[in-house]
């Protein structure tokens, strides 16, 4: 049962200013975002992570570096383009308040599975989900059933991965919130994924540490009838 910890990058000036950064290079964490990265890294430091995988963009790389450093340098760091932000095409770099006036804004809100962003670099949101989920499945297989690892990515990408784990259509993914440096956790079993946390911004994460030795028990894909004891 592989445990995936999804972390959104810390806040950037583009986030604070309401600008859609997309794949714009040189978008780094602002002072508040740096503090967020340090805080989430401290929360994760109790877990011996199998890997930290990140989108190639500067803001995710910066966040991933802080998380990896809190592991004492003992964790493998990887970059995976498939975890990169959705390619927003001609929308990239524009203020959200202006984009909200575009006819396609309502498509992105109500039917994101039909949204294809304009311009030669534009990507379909469905393509973004497909590549992101493929990345997660690949890393699950590579790291193994007992691994706990972090993937640092972007809001829409993380929402798309969570929607897939919940078994809901991409058109419903706008119901999911993912704040900067929030933690979302999915456990993948042979039968189904279990969504453990979404948009978590505080508290102890030691419950994610796998049991050791004799305490380790067979992992089950069955859901606890009645909800279980936690």
Foldseek 3Di string as FASTA:
>chain_A
DEKEKEWEFFAWVCNVQQAAAAQPAPTAHDPRRVVLLLVLLVQCLLAQAQAEEEAPHHRGVVSSVNNCVSVVVPYHYYYDNLQEGAQQAPSHGGHVVVVCPDPCVVCCQQPQQPDWHDHPRTGRLVVSLVSLLVVVVVVDVVSDQQGYHYYYHHFSSVLSNVCVQVVHDSSPSVVAGAHHGFIWMWHDDPVGIDTDDGRHRDDHPNVSHADDDPVHDDDDPDQDVVHDDD
